[in-house]
Protein backbone atom coordinates (compact mmCIF):
# COMPACT_ATOMS: atom_id res chain seq x y z
CA MET A 1 238.18 -168.76 192.75
CA ILE A 2 240.17 -172.04 192.37
CA VAL A 3 243.34 -170.13 191.46
CA THR A 4 243.03 -167.76 194.33
CA ASN A 5 242.40 -170.57 196.80
CA LYS A 6 245.53 -172.37 195.58
CA VAL A 7 247.54 -169.17 195.92
CA LYS A 8 246.25 -168.66 199.44
CA ALA A 9 247.09 -172.23 200.31
CA GLY A 10 250.72 -171.77 199.23
CA MET A 11 251.17 -168.39 200.97
CA ASP A 12 252.52 -167.71 204.37
CA PRO A 13 249.77 -167.47 206.98
CA ALA A 14 251.32 -164.25 208.43
CA LEU A 15 251.08 -162.56 205.07
CA LEU A 16 247.47 -163.64 204.78
CA ARG A 17 246.61 -162.04 208.12
CA GLU A 18 248.32 -158.81 207.11
CA SER A 19 246.45 -158.72 203.83
CA GLU A 20 243.12 -159.29 205.63
CA LEU A 21 243.88 -156.45 208.04
CA PHE A 22 244.76 -154.17 205.13
CA LYS A 23 241.48 -154.95 203.38
CA LYS A 24 239.51 -154.19 206.53
CA LYS A 25 241.28 -150.85 207.01
CA LEU A 26 240.73 -149.94 203.36
CA SER A 27 237.03 -150.78 203.48
CA SER A 28 236.54 -148.80 206.72
CA SER A 29 238.30 -145.73 205.27
CA LEU A 30 236.13 -145.91 202.16
CA GLU A 31 232.97 -146.09 204.25
CA LYS A 32 234.00 -143.01 206.26
CA ARG A 33 234.78 -141.11 203.08
CA HIS A 34 231.40 -141.79 201.49
CA ALA A 35 229.33 -141.32 204.72
CA PRO A 36 227.22 -138.03 204.84
CA ILE A 37 228.51 -135.29 207.14
CA ASP A 38 225.91 -134.42 209.83
CA SER A 39 225.82 -130.67 210.64
CA GLY A 40 224.41 -129.15 213.82
CA SER A 41 221.26 -128.10 212.01
CA HIS A 42 220.51 -131.69 210.89
CA LYS A 43 220.69 -133.10 214.35
CA LYS A 44 217.63 -134.92 215.46
CA LYS A 45 215.48 -132.85 217.73
CA LYS A 46 214.44 -134.32 220.94
CA PRO A 47 210.78 -135.14 221.04
CA ARG A 48 208.82 -132.65 223.11
CA THR A 49 207.35 -133.85 226.28
CA GLU A 50 203.67 -133.37 226.96
CA LYS A 51 204.41 -130.70 229.56
CA GLU A 52 206.58 -128.62 227.21
CA GLY A 53 204.01 -128.84 224.43
CA SER A 54 201.19 -127.61 226.67
CA SER A 55 203.26 -124.68 228.00
CA ALA A 56 204.23 -123.62 224.47
CA SER A 57 200.65 -123.72 223.26
CA LYS A 58 199.56 -121.77 226.34
CA HIS A 59 202.21 -119.09 225.66
CA ASN A 60 201.09 -118.76 222.04
CA ALA A 61 197.48 -118.46 223.12
CA GLU A 62 198.35 -115.77 225.67
CA SER A 63 200.33 -113.78 223.09
CA SER A 64 197.49 -113.93 220.59
CA ASN A 65 194.96 -112.97 223.26
CA GLY A 66 197.24 -110.09 224.29
CA SER A 67 197.20 -108.63 220.79
CA ILE A 68 193.43 -108.93 220.72
CA ASN A 69 193.10 -107.29 224.14
CA ILE A 70 195.25 -104.36 223.03
CA LYS A 71 192.89 -103.63 220.15
CA THR A 72 189.77 -103.93 222.29
CA SER A 73 191.06 -102.02 225.32
CA SER A 74 189.79 -98.56 226.25
CA GLY A 75 193.25 -97.09 225.73
CA TYR A 76 193.24 -98.18 222.10
CA LYS A 77 189.74 -96.74 221.60
CA PHE A 78 190.63 -93.33 222.98
CA GLY A 79 193.90 -93.39 221.04
CA CYS A 80 191.88 -93.77 217.84
CA LEU A 81 189.63 -90.89 218.93
CA ALA A 82 192.62 -88.62 219.63
CA LYS A 83 194.11 -89.45 216.24
CA ILE A 84 190.84 -88.56 214.50
CA VAL A 85 190.47 -85.23 216.37
CA ASN A 86 194.07 -84.21 215.63
CA TYR A 87 193.64 -85.10 211.97
CA MET A 88 190.41 -83.07 211.71
CA LYS A 89 192.16 -80.10 213.34
CA THR A 90 195.14 -80.29 210.97
CA ARG A 91 193.00 -80.47 207.84
CA HIS A 92 190.87 -77.54 209.10
CA GLN A 93 194.02 -75.45 209.61
CA ASN A 94 195.13 -76.31 206.07
CA GLY A 95 191.85 -75.02 204.64
CA ASP A 96 189.97 -78.33 204.21
CA THR A 97 186.84 -77.33 206.10
CA HIS A 98 184.33 -79.56 204.28
CA PHE A 99 182.68 -82.30 206.34
CA LEU A 100 183.54 -86.01 206.07
CA THR A 101 181.64 -89.24 206.67
CA ILE A 102 182.89 -91.75 209.22
CA ASP A 103 184.16 -94.06 206.48
CA GLU A 104 186.11 -91.23 204.86
CA ILE A 105 187.64 -90.30 208.23
CA LEU A 106 188.69 -93.89 208.94
CA ASP A 107 190.11 -94.20 205.45
CA GLU A 108 192.17 -90.99 205.66
CA THR A 109 193.40 -91.77 209.18
CA LYS A 110 194.22 -95.40 208.21
CA LEU A 111 192.01 -96.87 210.94
CA LEU A 112 190.24 -99.41 208.74
CA ASP A 113 191.17 -102.32 211.03
CA ILE A 114 188.95 -101.23 213.94
CA SER A 115 186.05 -103.46 214.88
CA LEU A 116 182.37 -102.76 214.18
CA LYS A 117 181.78 -102.21 217.91
CA GLN A 118 184.46 -99.51 218.07
CA LYS A 119 183.06 -97.87 214.95
CA GLN A 120 179.60 -97.71 216.54
CA TRP A 121 181.18 -96.24 219.69
CA LEU A 122 182.77 -93.48 217.61
CA ILE A 123 179.49 -92.71 215.83
CA ASN A 124 177.09 -92.86 218.76
CA GLU A 125 179.22 -91.62 221.68
CA ALA A 126 182.76 -90.39 221.12
CA LEU A 127 182.44 -88.03 218.14
CA VAL A 128 179.00 -86.72 219.09
CA SER A 129 180.04 -85.71 222.62
CA ASN A 130 183.49 -84.35 221.69
CA PRO A 131 183.58 -80.53 222.03
CA LYS A 132 185.96 -80.19 219.07
CA ILE A 133 183.84 -82.14 216.57
CA ASP A 134 180.81 -80.70 214.77
CA VAL A 135 178.17 -83.17 213.52
CA ARG A 136 175.87 -82.37 210.59
CA ASP A 137 173.57 -84.99 209.04
CA GLY A 138 175.91 -87.89 209.73
CA THR A 139 179.04 -86.02 208.61
CA TYR A 140 181.81 -84.63 210.81
CA GLY A 141 183.96 -81.52 210.85
CA PHE A 142 186.27 -79.67 213.21
CA LYS A 143 184.71 -77.14 215.62
CA PRO A 144 187.21 -74.50 216.80
CA LYS A 145 186.59 -71.91 219.52
CA TYR A 146 186.48 -69.12 216.91
CA ASN A 147 185.38 -70.17 213.44
CA LEU A 148 187.21 -67.59 211.27
CA LYS A 149 187.15 -67.68 207.49
CA ASP A 150 189.72 -65.00 206.64
CA LYS A 151 191.74 -62.07 208.00
CA LYS A 152 188.70 -59.75 207.96
CA ALA A 153 186.83 -62.09 210.29
CA LEU A 154 189.82 -62.07 212.65
CA LEU A 155 189.95 -58.27 212.65
CA ARG A 156 186.22 -58.05 213.39
CA LEU A 157 186.65 -60.46 216.30
CA LEU A 158 189.49 -58.42 217.81
CA ASP A 159 187.55 -55.17 217.33
CA LYS A 160 184.51 -56.67 219.07
CA HIS A 161 186.61 -57.82 222.03
CA ASP A 162 188.14 -54.35 222.27
CA GLN A 163 184.79 -52.50 222.22
CA LEU A 164 183.17 -54.82 224.77
CA GLY A 165 186.19 -54.77 227.09
CA MET A 166 186.74 -58.52 226.72
CA GLY A 167 190.50 -58.22 226.27
CA GLY A 168 192.53 -60.05 223.67
CA VAL A 169 192.38 -63.43 221.99
CA LEU A 170 194.87 -66.24 222.44
CA LEU A 171 197.06 -66.91 219.42
CA ASP A 172 196.48 -70.66 219.88
CA ASP A 173 192.72 -70.16 219.47
CA VAL A 174 193.28 -68.05 216.34
CA GLU A 175 195.58 -70.65 214.81
CA GLU A 176 193.05 -73.34 215.63
CA GLY A 177 190.11 -71.63 213.92
CA LEU A 178 191.66 -69.62 211.09
CA PRO A 179 192.98 -71.55 208.06
CA ASN A 180 196.48 -70.39 207.07
CA SER A 181 196.54 -68.12 210.13
CA ALA A 182 200.20 -67.13 209.83
CA LYS A 183 199.62 -65.63 206.40
CA ALA A 184 196.51 -63.73 207.56
CA ILE A 185 198.21 -62.30 210.66
CA LYS A 186 201.18 -61.17 208.61
CA ALA A 187 198.85 -59.43 206.13
CA LEU A 188 197.11 -57.45 208.92
CA GLY A 189 200.44 -55.97 210.04
CA ASP A 190 200.24 -53.17 212.62
CA GLN A 191 196.46 -53.50 213.01
CA ILE A 192 197.25 -56.19 215.62
CA ILE A 193 199.24 -55.85 218.84
CA PHE A 194 201.00 -58.89 220.34
CA VAL A 195 201.41 -59.27 224.10
CA THR A 196 203.34 -62.20 225.61
CA ARG A 197 202.09 -63.55 228.93
CA PRO A 198 204.40 -64.87 231.68
CA ASP A 199 203.59 -68.43 230.55
CA LYS A 200 205.00 -67.55 227.06
CA LYS A 201 201.57 -67.62 225.41
CA LYS A 202 200.83 -64.79 222.98
CA ILE A 203 197.64 -62.71 223.02
CA LEU A 204 196.33 -60.66 220.10
CA PHE A 205 194.74 -57.22 220.63
CA TYR A 206 193.09 -54.85 218.19
CA ASN A 207 195.23 -51.78 217.56
CA ASP A 208 192.64 -48.99 217.52
CA LYS A 209 194.49 -46.09 215.89
CA HIS A 210 191.67 -43.65 216.69
CA CYS A 211 192.62 -43.87 220.37
CA GLN A 212 196.23 -42.90 219.76
CA PHE A 213 197.31 -39.46 220.99
CA VAL A 214 200.56 -37.68 221.72
CA VAL A 215 201.53 -37.28 225.39
CA ASP A 216 203.81 -34.44 226.41
CA GLU A 217 207.32 -35.58 227.25
CA GLU A 218 207.21 -33.97 230.72
CA PHE A 219 204.19 -36.08 231.66
CA GLN A 220 205.95 -39.17 230.35
CA LYS A 221 208.98 -38.46 232.55
CA LEU A 222 206.78 -37.94 235.60
CA TRP A 223 204.88 -41.14 234.86
CA ARG A 224 208.06 -43.18 234.49
CA SER A 225 209.68 -41.66 237.59
CA VAL A 226 207.13 -43.22 239.94
CA PRO A 227 208.40 -46.66 241.02
CA VAL A 228 205.39 -48.95 241.15
CA ASP A 229 207.03 -52.24 240.19
CA SER A 230 206.18 -55.17 242.41
CA MET A 231 203.70 -53.07 244.43
CA ASP A 232 200.15 -54.05 245.21
CA GLU A 233 197.20 -51.68 245.65
CA GLU A 234 197.71 -51.27 249.42
CA LYS A 235 201.36 -50.19 249.02
CA ILE A 236 200.42 -47.75 246.26
CA GLU A 237 197.71 -46.26 248.49
CA GLU A 238 200.20 -45.84 251.37
CA TYR A 239 202.66 -44.12 249.03
CA LEU A 240 199.98 -41.70 247.83
CA LYS A 241 199.01 -40.85 251.41
CA LYS A 242 202.63 -40.06 252.27
CA GLN A 243 202.82 -37.73 249.30
CA GLY A 244 199.60 -36.00 250.38
CA ILE A 245 197.53 -37.40 247.53
CA THR A 246 194.09 -38.69 248.25
CA SER A 247 193.35 -41.99 246.60
CA MET A 248 190.41 -42.39 244.26
CA GLN A 249 188.79 -44.80 246.65
CA GLU A 250 188.47 -42.12 249.36
CA MET A 251 187.22 -39.45 246.92
CA GLY A 252 184.33 -41.59 245.83
CA PRO A 253 180.91 -41.53 247.50
CA LYS A 254 180.94 -43.05 250.92
CA LYS A 255 178.87 -46.09 251.46
CA VAL A 256 175.96 -45.55 253.79
CA LEU A 257 175.71 -48.40 256.18
CA PRO A 258 172.18 -49.64 256.75
CA VAL A 259 170.75 -48.59 260.12
CA GLN A 260 170.26 -51.57 262.30
CA LYS A 261 166.94 -51.65 264.10
CA ARG A 262 167.12 -52.00 267.84
CA LYS A 263 165.78 -55.20 269.15
CA LYS A 264 163.09 -54.94 271.76
CA LYS A 265 164.04 -56.28 275.13
CA SER A 266 162.21 -59.42 275.99
CA GLY A 267 160.67 -58.60 279.38
CA GLN A 268 157.58 -59.64 281.23
CA ARG A 269 154.32 -59.27 279.42
CA LYS A 270 152.49 -56.20 280.57
CA ASN A 271 148.89 -56.37 281.67
CA HIS A 272 147.00 -54.49 279.00
CA PHE A 273 143.61 -54.74 280.75
CA LYS A 274 142.20 -51.34 281.65
CA THR A 275 140.56 -50.74 285.02
CA HIS A 276 137.07 -49.34 284.67
CA ASN A 277 134.93 -47.35 287.18
CA SER A 278 137.93 -46.17 289.18
CA HIS A 279 135.83 -43.26 290.53
CA LEU A 280 133.62 -45.75 292.42
CA ALA A 281 136.53 -47.38 294.25
CA GLY A 282 135.21 -46.48 297.74
CA VAL A 283 131.55 -47.24 297.05
CA LEU A 284 131.63 -50.80 295.60
CA GLU A 285 131.21 -53.71 297.99
CA ASP A 286 132.26 -57.39 297.63
CA TYR A 287 129.60 -60.00 298.59
CA SER A 288 131.59 -63.11 297.64
CA ASP A 289 131.95 -64.31 301.27
CA GLY A 290 128.44 -63.24 302.35
CA VAL A 291 129.78 -60.28 304.30
CA PRO A 292 129.99 -56.94 302.53
CA VAL A 293 133.57 -55.71 302.19
CA LYS A 294 134.27 -52.24 300.82
CA ASN A 295 136.97 -51.87 298.29
């Protein structure tokens, strides 16, 4: 330190100032080089005000309550019911017709997160009153309109409808109640007749081959020559009259109208008292006034 002080004492003051400035610049550059670089993510967050904190907590509470309300709403309940019914229908169509408990249904439909209250609603109200669910001793199965086991059962159903004049059976109802219905219908072949309605729905009829007969070609031509498209019964009846053909309605027995009884005229009441002793009309005398008066 003594040597350096002596050197400083013999140096030019201008040089000393320059050396001091150089040291300061060097120390400042070294400090900048070794200082940590602050990124945008390490910036200090502003402390939340009390108002912002309360609004954020309120928003979180509302969102959590919203999720809870969705699960407890009636829409969610009936959505679960629809999912169960559709699943029971699909498994019935695939041939799984055995009954299931409520726990097995919830397990297979992946509805294990429903509450105990919703489960009790399914058991006591929803599944019991649903027309497509059959309940047996606490177990549940699908209940179609026509419970058909195989293709023979389907053929018997169509034959019964044909004999009783009940018409055909909707294909949708057959597919609903007959497991593997497409395979069964294909196996029956020409024993079934398909008719498509205007709304594109198909109806199945029994093809009774005993009722088939050959019609002469001349009769077929006459039948097809009569234009009856887009004609109602009244227009057909007018056409038959013009051709000199009496309609079946006129050939039938005529209805006898009931004879209406004539109502009695409401007049004055007649005096029904009979006059007695008319042969003594000139002999009787009236003594009511004390003087005899002959009648």
